[in-house]
Amino acid sequence: MKKSIVIGIIVMIAVAISIYLQTAPEELGNMGDSYAEQTTTTSAISFPGEAGDKIKFSFRSTVKSGDLDMILCDSAGNEVYKLDKAKALETFFSLSNSDTYTLAAECKDFIGEFTIKVYKIK
């Protein structure tokens, strides 16, 4: 009796892990930095995307001064999406074309810190 209960629990855990792994978002990239002095720079990450892919951006920032813009561009350099300015933001965007996309963190006279993670939602 105890043996069958333990086996049942193990099977349920295995099924739960399998479902999670099949539905968990796929991390496409991340970046972050911290600046104690005014800095003007651009950091970027690139990732492939297919038309119709739903992308999740998970963003956190502390802006003490200056500007911080998060801009998504296609491979031709065209802006396709600009994230709203916020201390914390979870937002979604659906890709309209298959392409290699670049997310740029543009800092201008920036003092503060930021982190962003990009996920593909399954």
PDB file of N, CA and C in Angstrom:
ATOM      1  N   MET A   1       0.825  -1.198   0.000  1.00  0.00           N
ATOM      2  CA  MET A   1       0.000   0.000   0.000  1.00  0.00           C
ATOM      3  C   MET A   1       0.867   1.258   0.000  1.00  0.00           C
ATOM      4  N   LYS A   2       1.831   1.325   0.931  1.00  0.00           N
ATOM      5  CA  LYS A   2       2.699   2.495   1.004  1.00  0.00           C
ATOM      6  C   LYS A   2       3.519   2.637  -0.273  1.00  0.00           C
ATOM      7  N   LYS A   3       3.938   1.492  -0.816  1.00  0.00           N
ATOM      8  CA  LYS A   3       4.754   1.502  -2.028  1.00  0.00           C
ATOM      9  C   LYS A   3       3.973   2.094  -3.202  1.00  0.00           C
ATOM     10  N   SER A   4       2.716   1.737  -3.346  1.00  0.00           N
ATOM     11  CA  SER A   4       1.910   2.259  -4.455  1.00  0.00           C
ATOM     12  C   SER A   4       1.624   3.751  -4.271  1.00  0.00           C
ATOM     13  N   ILE A   5       1.492   4.218  -3.040  1.00  0.00           N
ATOM     14  CA  ILE A   5       1.287   5.649  -2.787  1.00  0.00           C
ATOM     15  C   ILE A   5       2.535   6.427  -3.184  1.00  0.00           C
ATOM     16  N   VAL A   6       3.709   5.923  -2.796  1.00  0.00           N
ATOM     17  CA  VAL A   6       4.975   6.581  -3.146  1.00  0.00           C
ATOM     18  C   VAL A   6       5.147   6.617  -4.663  1.00  0.00           C
ATOM     19  N   ILE A   7       4.865   5.521  -5.336  1.00  0.00           N
ATOM     20  CA  ILE A   7       4.976   5.472  -6.801  1.00  0.00           C
ATOM     21  C   ILE A   7       4.005   6.461  -7.432  1.00  0.00           C
ATOM     22  N   GLY A   8       2.794   6.541  -6.920  1.00  0.00           N
ATOM     23  CA  GLY A   8       1.804   7.492  -7.432  1.00  0.00           C
ATOM     24  C   GLY A   8       2.264   8.932  -7.273  1.00  0.00           C
ATOM     25  N   ILE A   9       2.843   9.248  -6.124  1.00  0.00           N
ATOM     26  CA  ILE A   9       3.350  10.610  -5.889  1.00  0.00           C
ATOM     27  C   ILE A   9       4.496  10.920  -6.843  1.00  0.00           C
ATOM     28  N   ILE A  10       5.399   9.973  -7.044  1.00  0.00           N
ATOM     29  CA  ILE A  10       6.526  10.181  -7.964  1.00  0.00           C
ATOM     30  C   ILE A  10       6.021  10.410  -9.383  1.00  0.00           C
ATOM     31  N   VAL A  11       5.033   9.638  -9.817  1.00  0.00           N
ATOM     32  CA  VAL A  11       4.465   9.811 -11.159  1.00  0.00           C
ATOM     33  C   VAL A  11       3.822  11.192 -11.289  1.00  0.00           C
ATOM     34  N   MET A  12       3.091  11.629 -10.269  1.00  0.00           N
ATOM     35  CA  MET A  12       2.453  12.954 -10.319  1.00  0.00           C
ATOM     36  C   MET A  12       3.502  14.064 -10.384  1.00  0.00           C
ATOM     37  N   ILE A  13       4.576  13.939  -9.641  1.00  0.00           N
ATOM     38  CA  ILE A  13       5.651  14.937  -9.679  1.00  0.00           C
ATOM     39  C   ILE A  13       6.297  14.959 -11.059  1.00  0.00           C
ATOM     40  N   ALA A  14       6.547  13.787 -11.639  1.00  0.00           N
ATOM     41  CA  ALA A  14       7.152  13.712 -12.970  1.00  0.00           C
ATOM     42  C   ALA A  14       6.250  14.357 -14.021  1.00  0.00           C
ATOM     43  N   VAL A  15       4.956  14.127 -13.933  1.00  0.00           N
ATOM     44  CA  VAL A  15       4.005  14.736 -14.872  1.00  0.00           C
ATOM     45  C   VAL A  15       3.996  16.249 -14.705  1.00  0.00           C
ATOM     46  N   ALA A  16       3.992  16.726 -13.463  1.00  0.00           N
ATOM     47  CA  ALA A  16       3.991  18.174 -13.209  1.00  0.00           C
ATOM     48  C   ALA A  16       5.257  18.828 -13.760  1.00  0.00           C
ATOM     49  N   ILE A  17       6.402  18.203 -13.561  1.00  0.00           N
ATOM     50  CA  ILE A  17       7.664  18.747 -14.089  1.00  0.00           C
ATOM     51  C   ILE A  17       7.638  18.758 -15.608  1.00  0.00           C
ATOM     52  N   SER A  18       7.140  17.701 -16.211  1.00  0.00           N
ATOM     53  CA  SER A  18       7.053  17.622 -17.671  1.00  0.00           C
ATOM     54  C   SER A  18       6.167  18.727 -18.237  1.00  0.00           C
ATOM     55  N   ILE A  19       5.021  18.955 -17.624  1.00  0.00           N
ATOM     56  CA  ILE A  19       4.113  20.018 -18.080  1.00  0.00           C
ATOM     57  C   ILE A  19       4.783  21.375 -17.940  1.00  0.00           C
ATOM     58  N   TYR A  20       5.448  21.606 -16.813  1.00  0.00           N
ATOM     59  CA  TYR A  20       6.134  22.888 -16.609  1.00  0.00           C
ATOM     60  C   TYR A  20       7.201  23.112 -17.679  1.00  0.00           C
ATOM     61  N   LEU A  21       8.016  22.101 -17.957  1.00  0.00           N
ATOM     62  CA  LEU A  21       9.094  22.257 -18.940  1.00  0.00           C
ATOM     63  C   LEU A  21       8.560  22.511 -20.347  1.00  0.00           C
ATOM     64  N   GLN A  22       7.394  21.976 -20.662  1.00  0.00           N
ATOM     65  CA  GLN A  22       6.809  22.183 -21.984  1.00  0.00           C
ATOM     66  C   GLN A  22       6.148  23.541 -22.122  1.00  0.00           C
ATOM     67  N   THR A  23       5.703  24.136 -21.023  1.00  0.00           N
ATOM     68  CA  THR A  23       4.975  25.402 -21.101  1.00  0.00           C
ATOM     69  C   THR A  23       5.757  26.595 -20.560  1.00  0.00           C
ATOM     70  N   ALA A  24       6.898  26.365 -19.940  1.00  0.00           N
ATOM     71  CA  ALA A  24       7.684  27.466 -19.367  1.00  0.00           C
ATOM     72  C   ALA A  24       8.215  28.360 -20.487  1.00  0.00           C
ATOM     73  N   PRO A  25       8.257  29.670 -20.241  1.00  0.00           N
ATOM     74  CA  PRO A  25       8.801  30.569 -21.255  1.00  0.00           C
ATOM     75  C   PRO A  25      10.283  30.283 -21.499  1.00  0.00           C
ATOM     76  N   GLU A  26      10.701  30.471 -22.744  1.00  0.00           N
ATOM     77  CA  GLU A  26      12.100  30.274 -23.128  1.00  0.00           C
ATOM     78  C   GLU A  26      12.824  31.617 -23.040  1.00  0.00           C
ATOM     79  N   GLU A  27      13.881  31.684 -22.232  1.00  0.00           N
ATOM     80  CA  GLU A  27      14.624  32.942 -22.117  1.00  0.00           C
ATOM     81  C   GLU A  27      15.446  33.158 -23.383  1.00  0.00           C
ATOM     82  N   LEU A  28      15.241  34.316 -24.014  1.00  0.00           N
ATOM     83  CA  LEU A  28      15.953  34.664 -25.241  1.00  0.00           C
ATOM     84  C   LEU A  28      17.194  35.501 -24.966  1.00  0.00           C
ATOM     85  N   GLY A  29      17.224  36.171 -23.829  1.00  0.00           N
ATOM     86  CA  GLY A  29      18.387  36.981 -23.483  1.00  0.00           C
ATOM     87  C   GLY A  29      18.101  37.857 -22.290  1.00  0.00           C
ATOM     88  N   ASN A  30      19.160  38.435 -21.758  1.00  0.00           N
ATOM     89  CA  ASN A  30      19.016  39.365 -20.645  1.00  0.00           C
ATOM     90  C   ASN A  30      20.200  40.312 -20.628  1.00  0.00           C
ATOM     91  N   MET A  31      20.002  41.452 -19.997  1.00  0.00           N
ATOM     92  CA  MET A  31      21.096  42.396 -19.808  1.00  0.00           C
ATOM     93  C   MET A  31      20.765  43.288 -18.629  1.00  0.00           C
ATOM     94  N   GLY A  32      21.783  43.904 -18.114  1.00  0.00           N
ATOM     95  CA  GLY A  32      21.609  44.821 -17.007  1.00  0.00           C
ATOM     96  C   GLY A  32      22.920  45.512 -16.723  1.00  0.00           C
ATOM     97  N   ASP A  33      22.830  46.647 -16.076  1.00  0.00           N
ATOM     98  CA  ASP A  33      24.033  47.385 -15.718  1.00  0.00           C
ATOM     99  C   ASP A  33      23.705  48.389 -14.639  1.00  0.00           C
ATOM    100  N   SER A  34      24.750  48.914 -14.041  1.00  0.00           N
ATOM    101  CA  SER A  34      24.621  49.913 -12.990  1.00  0.00           C
ATOM    102  C   SER A  34      25.673  50.986 -13.235  1.00  0.00           C
ATOM    103  N   TYR A  35      25.260  52.243 -13.171  1.00  0.00           N
ATOM    104  CA  TYR A  35      26.167  53.365 -13.417  1.00  0.00           C
ATOM    105  C   TYR A  35      26.077  54.355 -12.262  1.00  0.00           C
ATOM    106  N   ALA A  36      27.226  54.643 -11.636  1.00  0.00           N
ATOM    107  CA  ALA A  36      27.277  55.580 -10.513  1.00  0.00           C
ATOM    108  C   ALA A  36      27.573  57.001 -10.980  1.00  0.00           C
ATOM    109  N   GLU A  37      28.094  57.139 -12.200  1.00  0.00           N
ATOM    110  CA  GLU A  37      28.387  58.452 -12.774  1.00  0.00           C
ATOM    111  C   GLU A  37      27.622  58.588 -14.077  1.00  0.00           C
ATOM    112  N   GLN A  38      27.358  59.827 -14.484  1.00  0.00           N
ATOM    113  CA  GLN A  38      26.617  60.060 -15.731  1.00  0.00           C
ATOM    114  C   GLN A  38      27.287  59.320 -16.882  1.00  0.00           C
ATOM    115  N   THR A  39      26.485  58.544 -17.578  1.00  0.00           N
ATOM    116  CA  THR A  39      26.988  57.724 -18.670  1.00  0.00           C
ATOM    117  C   THR A  39      26.050  57.834 -19.855  1.00  0.00           C
ATOM    118  N   THR A  40      26.646  57.940 -21.045  1.00  0.00           N
ATOM    119  CA  THR A  40      25.887  57.879 -22.284  1.00  0.00           C
ATOM    120  C   THR A  40      26.438  56.695 -23.065  1.00  0.00           C
ATOM    121  N   THR A  41      25.613  55.667 -23.203  1.00  0.00           N
ATOM    122  CA  THR A  41      26.052  54.438 -23.851  1.00  0.00           C
ATOM    123  C   THR A  41      24.829  53.655 -24.326  1.00  0.00           C
ATOM    124  N   THR A  42      25.078  52.636 -25.129  1.00  0.00           N
ATOM    125  CA  THR A  42      24.022  51.723 -25.570  1.00  0.00           C
ATOM    126  C   THR A  42      24.489  50.291 -25.355  1.00  0.00           C
ATOM    127  N   SER A  43      23.664  49.499 -24.701  1.00  0.00           N
ATOM    128  CA  SER A  43      23.888  48.061 -24.548  1.00  0.00           C
ATOM    129  C   SER A  43      22.810  47.360 -25.358  1.00  0.00           C
ATOM    130  N   ALA A  44      23.131  46.191 -25.898  1.00  0.00           N
ATOM    131  CA  ALA A  44      22.141  45.519 -26.742  1.00  0.00           C
ATOM    132  C   ALA A  44      22.269  44.003 -26.656  1.00  0.00           C
ATOM    133  N   ILE A  45      21.148  43.337 -26.887  1.00  0.00           N
ATOM    134  CA  ILE A  45      21.105  41.890 -27.055  1.00  0.00           C
ATOM    135  C   ILE A  45      20.284  41.596 -28.305  1.00  0.00           C
ATOM    136  N   SER A  46      20.628  40.525 -28.996  1.00  0.00           N
ATOM    137  CA  SER A  46      19.896  40.126 -30.202  1.00  0.00           C
ATOM    138  C   SER A  46      19.348  38.715 -30.021  1.00  0.00           C
ATOM    139  N   PHE A  47      18.228  38.455 -30.692  1.00  0.00           N
ATOM    140  CA  PHE A  47      17.615  37.136 -30.630  1.00  0.00           C
ATOM    141  C   PHE A  47      16.797  36.907 -31.896  1.00  0.00           C
ATOM    142  N   PRO A  48      16.686  35.639 -32.326  1.00  0.00           N
ATOM    143  CA  PRO A  48      15.856  35.334 -33.492  1.00  0.00           C
ATOM    144  C   PRO A  48      14.391  35.257 -33.088  1.00  0.00           C
ATOM    145  N   GLY A  49      13.523  35.636 -34.010  1.00  0.00           N
ATOM    146  CA  GLY A  49      12.094  35.554 -33.753  1.00  0.00           C
ATOM    147  C   GLY A  49      11.342  35.191 -35.012  1.00  0.00           C
ATOM    148  N   GLU A  50      10.258  34.477 -34.837  1.00  0.00           N
ATOM    149  CA  GLU A  50       9.398  34.084 -35.950  1.00  0.00           C
ATOM    150  C   GLU A  50       8.120  34.913 -35.911  1.00  0.00           C
ATOM    151  N   ALA A  51       7.540  35.147 -37.071  1.00  0.00           N
ATOM    152  CA  ALA A  51       6.275  35.880 -37.147  1.00  0.00           C
ATOM    153  C   ALA A  51       5.251  35.192 -36.249  1.00  0.00           C
ATOM    154  N   GLY A  52       4.589  35.979 -35.414  1.00  0.00           N
ATOM    155  CA  GLY A  52       3.580  35.450 -34.508  1.00  0.00           C
ATOM    156  C   GLY A  52       4.095  35.092 -33.126  1.00  0.00           C
ATOM    157  N   ASP A  53       5.420  35.031 -32.949  1.00  0.00           N
ATOM    158  CA  ASP A  53       5.965  34.750 -31.617  1.00  0.00           C
ATOM    159  C   ASP A  53       5.518  35.828 -30.637  1.00  0.00           C
ATOM    160  N   LYS A  54       5.133  35.395 -29.439  1.00  0.00           N
ATOM    161  CA  LYS A  54       4.770  36.344 -28.382  1.00  0.00           C
ATOM    162  C   LYS A  54       5.978  36.486 -27.456  1.00  0.00           C
ATOM    163  N   ILE A  55       6.436  37.719 -27.302  1.00  0.00           N
ATOM    164  CA  ILE A  55       7.633  38.013 -26.528  1.00  0.00           C
ATOM    165  C   ILE A  55       7.235  38.717 -25.232  1.00  0.00           C
ATOM    166  N   LYS A  56       7.848  38.301 -24.135  1.00  0.00           N
ATOM    167  CA  LYS A  56       7.619  38.940 -22.833  1.00  0.00           C
ATOM    168  C   LYS A  56       8.888  39.680 -22.426  1.00  0.00           C
ATOM    169  N   PHE A  57       8.722  40.921 -21.990  1.00  0.00           N
ATOM    170  CA  PHE A  57       9.819  41.718 -21.458  1.00  0.00           C
ATOM    171  C   PHE A  57       9.587  41.880 -19.963  1.00  0.00           C
ATOM    172  N   SER A  58      10.578  41.542 -19.166  1.00  0.00           N
ATOM    173  CA  SER A  58      10.527  41.717 -17.715  1.00  0.00           C
ATOM    174  C   SER A  58      11.619  42.718 -17.351  1.00  0.00           C
ATOM    175  N   PHE A  59      11.211  43.929 -16.960  1.00  0.00           N
ATOM    176  CA  PHE A  59      12.127  45.064 -16.837  1.00  0.00           C
ATOM    177  C   PHE A  59      12.050  45.669 -15.441  1.00  0.00           C
ATOM    178  N   ARG A  60      13.206  46.003 -14.886  1.00  0.00           N
ATOM    179  CA  ARG A  60      13.309  46.701 -13.601  1.00  0.00           C
ATOM    180  C   ARG A  60      14.369  47.789 -13.746  1.00  0.00           C
ATOM    181  N   SER A  61      14.107  48.965 -13.164  1.00  0.00           N
ATOM    182  CA  SER A  61      15.106  50.033 -13.240  1.00  0.00           C
ATOM    183  C   SER A  61      14.996  50.974 -12.054  1.00  0.00           C
ATOM    184  N   THR A  62      16.098  51.616 -11.781  1.00  0.00           N
ATOM    185  CA  THR A  62      16.163  52.723 -10.836  1.00  0.00           C
ATOM    186  C   THR A  62      16.907  53.832 -11.562  1.00  0.00           C
ATOM    187  N   VAL A  63      16.184  54.867 -11.948  1.00  0.00           N
ATOM    188  CA  VAL A  63      16.781  55.987 -12.675  1.00  0.00           C
ATOM    189  C   VAL A  63      16.959  57.136 -11.686  1.00  0.00           C
ATOM    190  N   LYS A  64      18.218  57.424 -11.351  1.00  0.00           N
ATOM    191  CA  LYS A  64      18.501  58.541 -10.441  1.00  0.00           C
ATOM    192  C   LYS A  64      18.561  59.849 -11.212  1.00  0.00           C
ATOM    193  N   SER A  65      19.090  59.791 -12.443  1.00  0.00           N
ATOM    194  CA  SER A  65      19.066  60.958 -13.333  1.00  0.00           C
ATOM    195  C   SER A  65      19.336  60.495 -14.755  1.00  0.00           C
ATOM    196  N   GLY A  66      19.024  61.355 -15.710  1.00  0.00           N
ATOM    197  CA  GLY A  66      19.233  61.033 -17.113  1.00  0.00           C
ATOM    198  C   GLY A  66      18.077  60.257 -17.706  1.00  0.00           C
ATOM    199  N   ASP A  67      18.325  59.705 -18.879  1.00  0.00           N
ATOM    200  CA  ASP A  67      17.296  58.975 -19.620  1.00  0.00           C
ATOM    201  C   ASP A  67      17.736  57.548 -19.891  1.00  0.00           C
ATOM    202  N   LEU A  68      16.763  56.636 -19.873  1.00  0.00           N
ATOM    203  CA  LEU A  68      16.968  55.235 -20.215  1.00  0.00           C
ATOM    204  C   LEU A  68      15.813  54.818 -21.106  1.00  0.00           C
ATOM    205  N   ASP A  69      16.120  54.431 -22.338  1.00  0.00           N
ATOM    206  CA  ASP A  69      15.098  53.971 -23.281  1.00  0.00           C
ATOM    207  C   ASP A  69      15.406  52.541 -23.697  1.00  0.00           C
ATOM    208  N   MET A  70      14.384  51.699 -23.715  1.00  0.00           N
ATOM    209  CA  MET A  70      14.483  50.315 -24.169  1.00  0.00           C
ATOM    210  C   MET A  70      13.754  50.220 -25.500  1.00  0.00           C
ATOM    211  N   ILE A  71      14.511  49.925 -26.565  1.00  0.00           N
ATOM    212  CA  ILE A  71      13.957  49.958 -27.914  1.00  0.00           C
ATOM    213  C   ILE A  71      14.245  48.635 -28.617  1.00  0.00           C
ATOM    214  N   LEU A  72      13.199  48.036 -29.200  1.00  0.00           N
ATOM    215  CA  LEU A  72      13.333  46.810 -29.981  1.00  0.00           C
ATOM    216  C   LEU A  72      13.369  47.177 -31.455  1.00  0.00           C
ATOM    217  N   CYS A  73      14.409  46.696 -32.152  1.00  0.00           N
ATOM    218  CA  CYS A  73      14.568  46.984 -33.583  1.00  0.00           C
ATOM    219  C   CYS A  73      14.671  45.687 -34.368  1.00  0.00           C
ATOM    220  N   ASP A  74      14.272  45.747 -35.638  1.00  0.00           N
ATOM    221  CA  ASP A  74      14.455  44.603 -36.526  1.00  0.00           C
ATOM    222  C   ASP A  74      15.876  44.630 -37.086  1.00  0.00           C
ATOM    223  N   SER A  75      16.204  43.666 -37.957  1.00  0.00           N
ATOM    224  CA  SER A  75      17.574  43.568 -38.472  1.00  0.00           C
ATOM    225  C   SER A  75      17.957  44.736 -39.372  1.00  0.00           C
ATOM    226  N   ALA A  76      16.979  45.472 -39.883  1.00  0.00           N
ATOM    227  CA  ALA A  76      17.262  46.648 -40.712  1.00  0.00           C
ATOM    228  C   ALA A  76      17.457  47.902 -39.855  1.00  0.00           C
ATOM    229  N   GLY A  77      17.292  47.765 -38.537  1.00  0.00           N
ATOM    230  CA  GLY A  77      17.463  48.905 -37.640  1.00  0.00           C
ATOM    231  C   GLY A  77      16.203  49.714 -37.420  1.00  0.00           C
ATOM    232  N   ASN A  78      15.077  49.233 -37.934  1.00  0.00           N
ATOM    233  CA  ASN A  78      13.805  49.939 -37.747  1.00  0.00           C
ATOM    234  C   ASN A  78      13.242  49.657 -36.355  1.00  0.00           C
ATOM    235  N   GLU A  79      12.792  50.705 -35.673  1.00  0.00           N
ATOM    236  CA  GLU A  79      12.173  50.539 -34.362  1.00  0.00           C
ATOM    237  C   GLU A  79      10.820  49.865 -34.540  1.00  0.00           C
ATOM    238  N   VAL A  80      10.623  48.739 -33.840  1.00  0.00           N
ATOM    239  CA  VAL A  80       9.342  48.037 -33.921  1.00  0.00           C
ATOM    240  C   VAL A  80       8.560  48.124 -32.613  1.00  0.00           C
ATOM    241  N   TYR A  81       9.250  48.451 -31.510  1.00  0.00           N
ATOM    242  CA  TYR A  81       8.568  48.551 -30.216  1.00  0.00           C
ATOM    243  C   TYR A  81       9.452  49.320 -29.247  1.00  0.00           C
ATOM    244  N   LYS A  82       8.826  50.183 -28.459  1.00  0.00           N
ATOM    245  CA  LYS A  82       9.549  50.923 -27.423  1.00  0.00           C
ATOM    246  C   LYS A  82       8.843  50.671 -26.097  1.00  0.00           C
ATOM    247  N   LEU A  83       9.582  50.182 -25.120  1.00  0.00           N
ATOM    248  CA  LEU A  83       8.999  49.899 -23.813  1.00  0.00           C
ATOM    249  C   LEU A  83       8.682  51.201 -23.094  1.00  0.00           C
ATOM    250  N   ASP A  84       7.576  51.183 -22.357  1.00  0.00           N
ATOM    251  CA  ASP A  84       7.211  52.329 -21.527  1.00  0.00           C
ATOM    252  C   ASP A  84       8.263  52.519 -20.436  1.00  0.00           C
ATOM    253  N   LYS A  85       8.411  53.755 -19.996  1.00  0.00           N
ATOM    254  CA  LYS A  85       9.334  54.041 -18.894  1.00  0.00           C
ATOM    255  C   LYS A  85       8.637  53.667 -17.591  1.00  0.00           C
ATOM    256  N   ALA A  86       9.346  52.902 -16.763  1.00  0.00           N
ATOM    257  CA  ALA A  86       8.763  52.450 -15.499  1.00  0.00           C
ATOM    258  C   ALA A  86       9.862  51.925 -14.589  1.00  0.00           C
ATOM    259  N   LYS A  87       9.561  51.867 -13.293  1.00  0.00           N
ATOM    260  CA  LYS A  87      10.492  51.240 -12.351  1.00  0.00           C
ATOM    261  C   LYS A  87      10.448  49.728 -12.498  1.00  0.00           C
ATOM    262  N   ALA A  88       9.259  49.209 -12.784  1.00  0.00           N
ATOM    263  CA  ALA A  88       9.064  47.779 -12.976  1.00  0.00           C
ATOM    264  C   ALA A  88       7.994  47.595 -14.043  1.00  0.00           C
ATOM    265  N   LEU A  89       8.257  46.684 -14.976  1.00  0.00           N
ATOM    266  CA  LEU A  89       7.341  46.513 -16.099  1.00  0.00           C
ATOM    267  C   LEU A  89       7.387  45.073 -16.589  1.00  0.00           C
ATOM    268  N   GLU A  90       6.227  44.486 -16.762  1.00  0.00           N
ATOM    269  CA  GLU A  90       6.066  43.196 -17.429  1.00  0.00           C
ATOM    270  C   GLU A  90       5.153  43.485 -18.612  1.00  0.00           C
ATOM    271  N   THR A  91       5.658  43.325 -19.822  1.00  0.00           N
ATOM    272  CA  THR A  91       4.849  43.641 -20.995  1.00  0.00           C
ATOM    273  C   THR A  91       5.094  42.614 -22.087  1.00  0.00           C
ATOM    274  N   PHE A  92       4.155  42.548 -23.029  1.00  0.00           N
ATOM    275  CA  PHE A  92       4.200  41.552 -24.094  1.00  0.00           C
ATOM    276  C   PHE A  92       4.138  42.235 -25.449  1.00  0.00           C
ATOM    277  N   PHE A  93       4.730  41.578 -26.453  1.00  0.00           N
ATOM    278  CA  PHE A  93       4.723  42.092 -27.815  1.00  0.00           C
ATOM    279  C   PHE A  93       4.732  40.902 -28.764  1.00  0.00           C
ATOM    280  N   SER A  94       3.888  40.946 -29.798  1.00  0.00           N
ATOM    281  CA  SER A  94       3.864  39.885 -30.808  1.00  0.00           C
ATOM    282  C   SER A  94       4.661  40.325 -32.026  1.00  0.00           C
ATOM    283  N   LEU A  95       5.581  39.473 -32.455  1.00  0.00           N
ATOM    284  CA  LEU A  95       6.420  39.789 -33.606  1.00  0.00           C
ATOM    285  C   LEU A  95       5.610  39.644 -34.889  1.00  0.00           C
ATOM    286  N   SER A  96       5.740  40.616 -35.778  1.00  0.00           N
ATOM    287  CA  SER A  96       4.974  40.570 -37.023  1.00  0.00           C
ATOM    288  C   SER A  96       5.743  39.890 -38.152  1.00  0.00           C
ATOM    289  N   ASN A  97       7.072  39.807 -38.030  1.00  0.00           N
ATOM    290  CA  ASN A  97       7.893  39.206 -39.083  1.00  0.00           C
ATOM    291  C   ASN A  97       8.932  38.269 -38.485  1.00  0.00           C
ATOM    292  N   SER A  98       9.361  37.300 -39.282  1.00  0.00           N
ATOM    293  CA  SER A  98      10.485  36.457 -38.893  1.00  0.00           C
ATOM    294  C   SER A  98      11.757  37.241 -39.164  1.00  0.00           C
ATOM    295  N   ASP A  99      12.614  37.377 -38.151  1.00  0.00           N
ATOM    296  CA  ASP A  99      13.786  38.243 -38.283  1.00  0.00           C
ATOM    297  C   ASP A  99      14.686  38.023 -37.068  1.00  0.00           C
ATOM    298  N   THR A 100      15.831  38.675 -37.086  1.00  0.00           N
ATOM    299  CA  THR A 100      16.676  38.773 -35.902  1.00  0.00           C
ATOM    300  C   THR A 100      16.426  40.147 -35.308  1.00  0.00           C
ATOM    301  N   TYR A 101      16.020  40.162 -34.051  1.00  0.00           N
ATOM    302  CA  TYR A 101      15.661  41.405 -33.379  1.00  0.00           C
ATOM    303  C   TYR A 101      16.748  41.796 -32.383  1.00  0.00           C
ATOM    304  N   THR A 102      16.887  43.103 -32.185  1.00  0.00           N
ATOM    305  CA  THR A 102      17.855  43.633 -31.227  1.00  0.00           C
ATOM    306  C   THR A 102      17.127  44.533 -30.240  1.00  0.00           C
ATOM    307  N   LEU A 103      17.323  44.248 -28.959  1.00  0.00           N
ATOM    308  CA  LEU A 103      16.798  45.103 -27.904  1.00  0.00           C
ATOM    309  C   LEU A 103      17.955  45.952 -27.400  1.00  0.00           C
ATOM    310  N   ALA A 104      17.803  47.267 -27.508  1.00  0.00           N
ATOM    311  CA  ALA A 104      18.859  48.192 -27.101  1.00  0.00           C
ATOM    312  C   ALA A 104      18.431  48.975 -25.866  1.00  0.00           C
ATOM    313  N   ALA A 105      19.349  49.084 -24.918  1.00  0.00           N
ATOM    314  CA  ALA A 105      19.170  49.942 -23.742  1.00  0.00           C
ATOM    315  C   ALA A 105      20.000  51.194 -24.006  1.00  0.00           C
ATOM    316  N   GLU A 106      19.313  52.280 -24.330  1.00  0.00           N
ATOM    317  CA  GLU A 106      19.993  53.532 -24.665  1.00  0.00           C
ATOM    318  C   GLU A 106      20.016  54.435 -23.434  1.00  0.00           C
ATOM    319  N   CYS A 107      21.213  54.678 -22.913  1.00  0.00           N
ATOM    320  CA  CYS A 107      21.406  55.518 -21.734  1.00  0.00           C
ATOM    321  C   CYS A 107      21.970  56.865 -22.175  1.00  0.00           C
ATOM    322  N   LYS A 108      21.349  57.942 -21.690  1.00  0.00           N
ATOM    323  CA  LYS A 108      21.844  59.288 -21.992  1.00  0.00           C
ATOM    324  C   LYS A 108      21.967  60.051 -20.678  1.00  0.00           C
ATOM    325  N   ASP A 109      23.201  60.417 -20.329  1.00  0.00           N
ATOM    326  CA  ASP A 109      23.479  61.091 -19.054  1.00  0.00           C
ATOM    327  C   ASP A 109      22.832  60.329 -17.898  1.00  0.00           C
ATOM    328  N   PHE A 110      22.914  59.027 -17.970  1.00  0.00           N
ATOM    329  CA  PHE A 110      22.187  58.126 -17.068  1.00  0.00           C
ATOM    330  C   PHE A 110      22.994  57.808 -15.815  1.00  0.00           C
ATOM    331  N   ILE A 111      22.337  57.905 -14.672  1.00  0.00           N
ATOM    332  CA  ILE A 111      22.842  57.387 -13.404  1.00  0.00           C
ATOM    333  C   ILE A 111      21.735  56.496 -12.847  1.00  0.00           C
ATOM    334  N   GLY A 112      22.081  55.261 -12.525  1.00  0.00           N
ATOM    335  CA  GLY A 112      21.097  54.325 -12.003  1.00  0.00           C
ATOM    336  C   GLY A 112      21.442  52.909 -12.399  1.00  0.00           C
ATOM    337  N   GLU A 113      20.427  52.061 -12.397  1.00  0.00           N
ATOM    338  CA  GLU A 113      20.641  50.671 -12.768  1.00  0.00           C
ATOM    339  C   GLU A 113      19.398  50.117 -13.460  1.00  0.00           C
ATOM    340  N   PHE A 114      19.615  49.047 -14.219  1.00  0.00           N
ATOM    341  CA  PHE A 114      18.495  48.397 -14.897  1.00  0.00           C
ATOM    342  C   PHE A 114      18.816  46.929 -15.123  1.00  0.00           C
ATOM    343  N   THR A 115      17.770  46.135 -15.236  1.00  0.00           N
ATOM    344  CA  THR A 115      17.868  44.747 -15.678  1.00  0.00           C
ATOM    345  C   THR A 115      16.660  44.473 -16.563  1.00  0.00           C
ATOM    346  N   ILE A 116      16.879  43.675 -17.583  1.00  0.00           N
ATOM    347  CA  ILE A 116      15.766  43.266 -18.443  1.00  0.00           C
ATOM    348  C   ILE A 116      16.006  41.835 -18.899  1.00  0.00           C
ATOM    349  N   LYS A 117      14.933  41.060 -18.915  1.00  0.00           N
ATOM    350  CA  LYS A 117      14.961  39.702 -19.438  1.00  0.00           C
ATOM    351  C   LYS A 117      13.916  39.615 -20.536  1.00  0.00           C
ATOM    352  N   VAL A 118      14.251  38.862 -21.577  1.00  0.00           N
ATOM    353  CA  VAL A 118      13.360  38.696 -22.722  1.00  0.00           C
ATOM    354  C   VAL A 118      13.034  37.207 -22.843  1.00  0.00           C
ATOM    355  N   TYR A 119      11.738  36.902 -22.936  1.00  0.00           N
ATOM    356  CA  TYR A 119      11.278  35.523 -23.023  1.00  0.00           C
ATOM    357  C   TYR A 119      10.392  35.325 -24.244  1.00  0.00           C
ATOM    358  N   LYS A 120      10.433  34.112 -24.786  1.00  0.00           N
ATOM    359  CA  LYS A 120       9.456  33.694 -25.796  1.00  0.00           C
ATOM    360  C   LYS A 120       8.397  32.889 -25.048  1.00  0.00           C
ATOM    361  N   ILE A 121       7.142  33.311 -25.186  1.00  0.00           N
ATOM    362  CA  ILE A 121       6.037  32.631 -24.515  1.00  0.00           C
ATOM    363  C   ILE A 121       5.546  31.502 -25.416  1.00  0.00           C
ATOM    364  N   LYS A 122       5.417  30.308 -24.843  1.00  0.00           N
ATOM    365  CA  LYS A 122       4.974  29.145 -25.626  1.00  0.00           C
ATOM    366  C   LYS A 122       3.471  29.056 -25.637  1.00  0.00           C
TER     367      LYS A 122
END
